[in-house]
C-alpha atoms as a PDB file:
ATOM      1  CA  UNK A   1     -67.288 133.770  49.233  1.00  0.00           C
ATOM      2  CA  UNK A   2     -66.014 137.258  48.649  1.00  0.00           C
ATOM      3  CA  UNK A   3     -62.482 137.785  47.428  1.00  0.00           C
ATOM      4  CA  UNK A   4     -60.092 139.256  49.981  1.00  0.00           C
ATOM      5  CA  UNK A   5     -59.459 142.561  48.260  1.00  0.00           C
ATOM      6  CA  UNK A   6     -58.975 146.091  49.458  1.00  0.00           C
ATOM      7  CA  UNK A   7     -57.399 147.106  52.701  1.00  0.00           C
ATOM      8  CA  UNK A   8     -57.917 145.161  55.873  1.00  0.00           C
ATOM      9  CA  UNK A   9     -59.344 147.579  58.344  1.00  0.00           C
ATOM     10  CA  UNK A  10     -59.819 145.519  61.475  1.00  0.00           C
ATOM     11  CA  UNK A  11     -57.927 142.709  63.177  1.00  0.00           C
ATOM     12  CA  UNK A  12     -59.426 141.378  66.426  1.00  0.00           C
ATOM     13  CA  UNK A  13     -57.155 139.144  68.486  1.00  0.00           C
ATOM     14  CA  UNK A  14     -58.821 137.158  71.281  1.00  0.00           C
ATOM     15  CA  UNK A  15     -56.415 135.599  73.761  1.00  0.00           C
ATOM     16  CA  UNK A  16     -57.420 132.709  76.021  1.00  0.00           C
ATOM     17  CA  UNK A  17     -55.030 132.705  78.962  1.00  0.00           C
ATOM     18  CA  UNK A  18     -56.034 129.255  80.211  1.00  0.00           C
ATOM     19  CA  UNK A  19     -53.694 126.423  79.225  1.00  0.00           C
ATOM     20  CA  UNK A  20     -53.414 125.447  76.519  1.00  0.00           C
ATOM     21  CA  UNK A  21     -53.040 129.050  75.423  1.00  0.00           C
ATOM     22  CA  UNK A  22     -55.088 129.997  72.367  1.00  0.00           C
ATOM     23  CA  UNK A  23     -55.125 132.994  70.050  1.00  0.00           C
ATOM     24  CA  UNK A  24     -58.104 133.517  67.765  1.00  0.00           C
ATOM     25  CA  UNK A  25     -57.709 136.210  65.124  1.00  0.00           C
ATOM     26  CA  UNK A  26     -60.595 137.647  63.123  1.00  0.00           C
ATOM     27  CA  UNK A  27     -59.892 139.963  60.167  1.00  0.00           C
ATOM     28  CA  UNK A  28     -62.342 142.258  58.382  1.00  0.00           C
ATOM     29  CA  UNK A  29     -61.727 144.336  55.256  1.00  0.00           C
ATOM     30  CA  UNK A  30     -61.691 148.115  55.780  1.00  0.00           C
ATOM     31  CA  UNK A  31     -64.836 148.687  53.730  1.00  0.00           C
ATOM     32  CA  UNK A  32     -66.784 146.260  55.930  1.00  0.00           C
ATOM     33  CA  UNK A  33     -65.420 147.041  59.415  1.00  0.00           C
ATOM     34  CA  UNK A  34     -68.328 149.205  60.605  1.00  0.00           C
ATOM     35  CA  UNK A  35     -70.909 146.832  59.075  1.00  0.00           C
ATOM     36  CA  UNK A  36     -69.188 143.871  60.745  1.00  0.00           C
ATOM     37  CA  UNK A  37     -69.307 145.622  64.126  1.00  0.00           C
ATOM     38  CA  UNK A  38     -72.956 146.610  63.729  1.00  0.00           C
ATOM     39  CA  UNK A  39     -74.011 143.124  62.648  1.00  0.00           C
ATOM     40  CA  UNK A  40     -71.877 141.420  65.296  1.00  0.00           C
ATOM     41  CA  UNK A  41     -73.475 143.562  67.987  1.00  0.00           C
ATOM     42  CA  UNK A  42     -76.914 142.581  66.729  1.00  0.00           C
ATOM     43  CA  UNK A  43     -76.056 138.891  66.589  1.00  0.00           C
ATOM     44  CA  UNK A  44     -74.200 138.747  69.904  1.00  0.00           C
ATOM     45  CA  UNK A  45     -76.461 141.083  71.919  1.00  0.00           C
ATOM     46  CA  UNK A  46     -77.498 139.329  75.103  1.00  0.00           C
ATOM     47  CA  UNK A  47     -75.498 136.175  74.346  1.00  0.00           C
ATOM     48  CA  UNK A  48     -73.616 134.903  77.363  1.00  0.00           C
ATOM     49  CA  UNK A  49     -70.934 132.545  76.137  1.00  0.00           C
ATOM     50  CA  UNK A  50     -70.222 129.484  78.264  1.00  0.00           C
ATOM     51  CA  UNK A  51     -66.869 127.703  78.240  1.00  0.00           C
ATOM     52  CA  UNK A  52     -67.849 125.371  75.362  1.00  0.00           C
ATOM     53  CA  UNK A  53     -69.946 125.507  72.180  1.00  0.00           C
ATOM     54  CA  UNK A  54     -71.924 122.404  73.226  1.00  0.00           C
ATOM     55  CA  UNK A  55     -73.097 124.226  76.381  1.00  0.00           C
ATOM     56  CA  UNK A  56     -75.036 126.737  74.283  1.00  0.00           C
ATOM     57  CA  UNK A  57     -78.669 125.582  73.932  1.00  0.00           C
ATOM     58  CA  UNK A  58     -79.322 123.915  70.565  1.00  0.00           C
ATOM     59  CA  UNK A  59     -81.778 126.549  69.290  1.00  0.00           C
ATOM     60  CA  UNK A  60     -79.387 129.341  70.222  1.00  0.00           C
ATOM     61  CA  UNK A  61     -76.540 127.563  68.374  1.00  0.00           C
ATOM     62  CA  UNK A  62     -78.730 127.327  65.266  1.00  0.00           C
ATOM     63  CA  UNK A  63     -79.610 131.028  65.534  1.00  0.00           C
ATOM     64  CA  UNK A  64     -75.952 131.980  65.914  1.00  0.00           C
ATOM     65  CA  UNK A  65     -74.965 129.931  62.869  1.00  0.00           C
ATOM     66  CA  UNK A  66     -77.770 131.500  60.820  1.00  0.00           C
ATOM     67  CA  UNK A  67     -77.171 135.080  61.967  1.00  0.00           C
ATOM     68  CA  UNK A  68     -73.365 135.107  61.876  1.00  0.00           C
ATOM     69  CA  UNK A  69     -73.558 134.869  58.075  1.00  0.00           C
ATOM     70  CA  UNK A  70     -74.382 138.603  58.133  1.00  0.00           C
ATOM     71  CA  UNK A  71     -70.973 139.444  59.634  1.00  0.00           C
ATOM     72  CA  UNK A  72     -68.544 140.050  56.733  1.00  0.00           C
ATOM     73  CA  UNK A  73     -65.444 138.216  57.941  1.00  0.00           C
ATOM     74  CA  UNK A  74     -62.415 137.848  55.670  1.00  0.00           C
ATOM     75  CA  UNK A  75     -60.313 135.528  57.813  1.00  0.00           C
ATOM     76  CA  UNK A  76     -60.458 133.510  61.040  1.00  0.00           C
ATOM     77  CA  UNK A  77     -57.320 131.947  62.469  1.00  0.00           C
ATOM     78  CA  UNK A  78     -57.042 129.881  65.655  1.00  0.00           C
ATOM     79  CA  UNK A  79     -53.694 128.909  67.159  1.00  0.00           C
ATOM     80  CA  UNK A  80     -53.236 126.561  70.094  1.00  0.00           C
ATOM     81  CA  UNK A  81     -49.994 126.583  72.079  1.00  0.00           C
ATOM     82  CA  UNK A  82     -49.816 123.510  74.281  1.00  0.00           C
ATOM     83  CA  UNK A  83     -46.069 123.460  74.778  1.00  0.00           C
ATOM     84  CA  UNK A  84     -45.317 122.394  78.345  1.00  0.00           C
ATOM     85  CA  UNK A  85     -43.808 125.062  80.558  1.00  0.00           C
ATOM     86  CA  UNK A  86     -44.200 127.950  78.100  1.00  0.00           C
ATOM     87  CA  UNK A  87     -44.829 131.273  79.824  1.00  0.00           C
ATOM     88  CA  UNK A  88     -47.994 133.109  78.848  1.00  0.00           C
ATOM     89  CA  UNK A  89     -46.246 136.215  77.542  1.00  0.00           C
ATOM     90  CA  UNK A  90     -43.847 134.123  75.452  1.00  0.00           C
ATOM     91  CA  UNK A  91     -46.768 132.179  74.039  1.00  0.00           C
ATOM     92  CA  UNK A  92     -48.596 135.426  73.191  1.00  0.00           C
ATOM     93  CA  UNK A  93     -45.522 136.814  71.448  1.00  0.00           C
ATOM     94  CA  UNK A  94     -44.949 133.627  69.459  1.00  0.00           C
ATOM     95  CA  UNK A  95     -48.610 133.315  68.464  1.00  0.00           C
ATOM     96  CA  UNK A  96     -48.924 136.928  67.315  1.00  0.00           C
ATOM     97  CA  UNK A  97     -45.715 136.617  65.306  1.00  0.00           C
ATOM     98  CA  UNK A  98     -47.091 133.440  63.724  1.00  0.00           C
ATOM     99  CA  UNK A  99     -50.293 135.266  62.756  1.00  0.00           C
ATOM    100  CA  UNK A 100     -48.365 138.135  61.199  1.00  0.00           C
ATOM    101  CA  UNK A 101     -45.805 135.986  59.384  1.00  0.00           C
ATOM    102  CA  UNK A 102     -47.908 132.996  58.343  1.00  0.00           C
ATOM    103  CA  UNK A 103     -51.607 133.835  58.484  1.00  0.00           C
ATOM    104  CA  UNK A 104     -51.995 137.356  57.193  1.00  0.00           C
ATOM    105  CA  UNK A 105     -51.161 137.524  53.511  1.00  0.00           C
ATOM    106  CA  UNK A 106     -48.344 139.963  52.763  1.00  0.00           C
ATOM    107  CA  UNK A 107     -50.745 142.166  50.817  1.00  0.00           C
ATOM    108  CA  UNK A 108     -52.886 142.595  53.947  1.00  0.00           C
ATOM    109  CA  UNK A 109     -50.225 142.703  56.650  1.00  0.00           C
ATOM    110  CA  UNK A 110     -49.275 146.326  56.055  1.00  0.00           C
ATOM    111  CA  UNK A 111     -52.847 147.547  55.672  1.00  0.00           C
ATOM    112  CA  UNK A 112     -54.334 146.768  59.067  1.00  0.00           C
ATOM    113  CA  UNK A 113     -55.654 150.040  60.435  1.00  0.00           C
ATOM    114  CA  UNK A 114     -57.166 148.900  63.722  1.00  0.00           C
ATOM    115  CA  UNK A 115     -56.053 146.123  66.048  1.00  0.00           C
ATOM    116  CA  UNK A 116     -58.326 145.137  68.917  1.00  0.00           C
ATOM    117  CA  UNK A 117     -56.826 143.053  71.712  1.00  0.00           C
ATOM    118  CA  UNK A 118     -59.232 141.029  73.832  1.00  0.00           C
ATOM    119  CA  UNK A 119     -57.812 139.267  76.858  1.00  0.00           C
ATOM    120  CA  UNK A 120     -54.164 139.882  75.949  1.00  0.00           C
ATOM    121  CA  UNK A 121     -51.544 139.636  78.719  1.00  0.00           C
ATOM    122  CA  UNK A 122     -50.229 142.800  80.356  1.00  0.00           C
ATOM    123  CA  UNK A 123     -47.740 144.567  78.129  1.00  0.00           C
ATOM    124  CA  UNK A 124     -48.939 142.707  75.047  1.00  0.00           C
ATOM    125  CA  UNK A 125     -49.588 145.840  73.008  1.00  0.00           C
ATOM    126  CA  UNK A 126     -45.874 146.604  72.838  1.00  0.00           C
ATOM    127  CA  UNK A 127     -44.714 142.999  72.561  1.00  0.00           C
ATOM    128  CA  UNK A 128     -44.746 142.769  68.814  1.00  0.00           C
ATOM    129  CA  UNK A 129     -43.409 145.377  66.441  1.00  0.00           C
ATOM    130  CA  UNK A 130     -46.353 144.812  64.111  1.00  0.00           C
ATOM    131  CA  UNK A 131     -48.825 145.747  66.840  1.00  0.00           C
ATOM    132  CA  UNK A 132     -47.213 149.175  67.090  1.00  0.00           C
ATOM    133  CA  UNK A 133     -47.806 150.004  63.417  1.00  0.00           C
ATOM    134  CA  UNK A 134     -51.605 150.199  63.089  1.00  0.00           C
ATOM    135  CA  UNK A 135     -53.201 153.617  63.038  1.00  0.00           C
ATOM    136  CA  UNK A 136     -55.374 152.591  65.986  1.00  0.00           C
ATOM    137  CA  UNK A 137     -54.682 150.045  68.728  1.00  0.00           C
ATOM    138  CA  UNK A 138     -57.421 149.213  71.217  1.00  0.00           C
ATOM    139  CA  UNK A 139     -56.255 147.209  74.198  1.00  0.00           C
ATOM    140  CA  UNK A 140     -58.426 146.721  77.278  1.00  0.00           C
ATOM    141  CA  UNK A 141     -61.028 149.237  76.111  1.00  0.00           C
ATOM    142  CA  UNK A 142     -64.705 149.059  75.320  1.00  0.00           C
ATOM    143  CA  UNK A 143     -64.021 149.529  71.603  1.00  0.00           C
ATOM    144  CA  UNK A 144     -65.491 147.096  69.068  1.00  0.00           C
ATOM    145  CA  UNK A 145     -67.596 145.041  71.539  1.00  0.00           C
ATOM    146  CA  UNK A 146     -69.510 143.180  68.825  1.00  0.00           C
ATOM    147  CA  UNK A 147     -66.369 141.985  67.091  1.00  0.00           C
ATOM    148  CA  UNK A 148     -64.769 141.007  70.401  1.00  0.00           C
ATOM    149  CA  UNK A 149     -67.839 138.898  71.190  1.00  0.00           C
ATOM    150  CA  UNK A 150     -67.704 137.333  67.712  1.00  0.00           C
ATOM    151  CA  UNK A 151     -64.004 136.501  68.198  1.00  0.00           C
ATOM    152  CA  UNK A 152     -64.799 134.796  71.519  1.00  0.00           C
ATOM    153  CA  UNK A 153     -67.564 132.806  69.795  1.00  0.00           C
ATOM    154  CA  UNK A 154     -65.174 131.884  66.979  1.00  0.00           C
ATOM    155  CA  UNK A 155     -62.695 130.633  69.596  1.00  0.00           C
ATOM    156  CA  UNK A 156     -65.353 128.352  71.108  1.00  0.00           C
ATOM    157  CA  UNK A 157     -66.287 127.039  67.684  1.00  0.00           C
ATOM    158  CA  UNK A 158     -62.670 126.353  66.715  1.00  0.00           C
ATOM    159  CA  UNK A 159     -62.118 124.349  69.887  1.00  0.00           C
ATOM    160  CA  UNK A 160     -65.336 122.360  69.314  1.00  0.00           C
ATOM    161  CA  UNK A 161     -64.743 121.450  65.674  1.00  0.00           C
ATOM    162  CA  UNK A 162     -68.156 119.820  65.139  1.00  0.00           C
ATOM    163  CA  UNK A 163     -69.904 120.057  61.784  1.00  0.00           C
ATOM    164  CA  UNK A 164     -72.576 122.387  63.171  1.00  0.00           C
ATOM    165  CA  UNK A 165     -69.929 124.581  64.749  1.00  0.00           C
ATOM    166  CA  UNK A 166     -67.954 124.658  61.506  1.00  0.00           C
ATOM    167  CA  UNK A 167     -71.010 125.907  59.639  1.00  0.00           C
ATOM    168  CA  UNK A 168     -70.608 129.182  61.560  1.00  0.00           C
ATOM    169  CA  UNK A 169     -67.768 129.916  59.148  1.00  0.00           C
ATOM    170  CA  UNK A 170     -69.577 129.082  55.893  1.00  0.00           C
ATOM    171  CA  UNK A 171     -69.195 132.636  54.542  1.00  0.00           C
ATOM    172  CA  UNK A 172     -65.684 133.286  55.882  1.00  0.00           C
ATOM    173  CA  UNK A 173     -63.172 133.759  53.077  1.00  0.00           C
ATOM    174  CA  UNK A 174     -60.301 131.958  54.809  1.00  0.00           C
ATOM    175  CA  UNK A 175     -60.084 129.914  57.993  1.00  0.00           C
ATOM    176  CA  UNK A 176     -57.237 128.060  59.640  1.00  0.00           C
ATOM    177  CA  UNK A 177     -57.097 126.072  62.839  1.00  0.00           C
ATOM    178  CA  UNK A 178     -53.893 124.543  64.042  1.00  0.00           C
ATOM    179  CA  UNK A 179     -51.394 123.837  66.721  1.00  0.00           C
ATOM    180  CA  UNK A 180     -48.271 125.770  67.439  1.00  0.00           C
ATOM    181  CA  UNK A 181     -45.020 124.326  68.629  1.00  0.00           C
ATOM    182  CA  UNK A 182     -41.370 125.265  68.677  1.00  0.00           C
ATOM    183  CA  UNK A 183     -38.800 122.562  68.879  1.00  0.00           C
END
């Protein structure tokens, strides 16, 4: 594994608006952002993701696991918010705050240069003060399609949790999967 050094250039946040709400965050160091996008595009080109990892044909799963190693990912985080009755926007706000406060190390938090939102609720870009600070914010655009596709794949893998699925993250520097609840 590489050490998480340098400035984090790219933070992709994939939001799944189906209950339970889920936020998958993928972080790439600045020096590797373009390489990550190029490699992710190559790996994910033509891949149509179903609703579950197990629905991907076995040979395609093996190829994805093998090829995703070429995508230089520093961190993957997956939060699940299954609180009953929580509104989507409130869940989004709480999950993004959790990522900023608990997941991103302090040394990286202030160095994110690009945030890509994939599937975020309307108004999400202005919902969190931290999201207003990056030099570049891409919400609902065609920017970074390879990394968006990788983040969606990572979300499927995190939900699955099988050993084969977990091997997708063998070269990721840091990975967390967990629930989210407020009492």
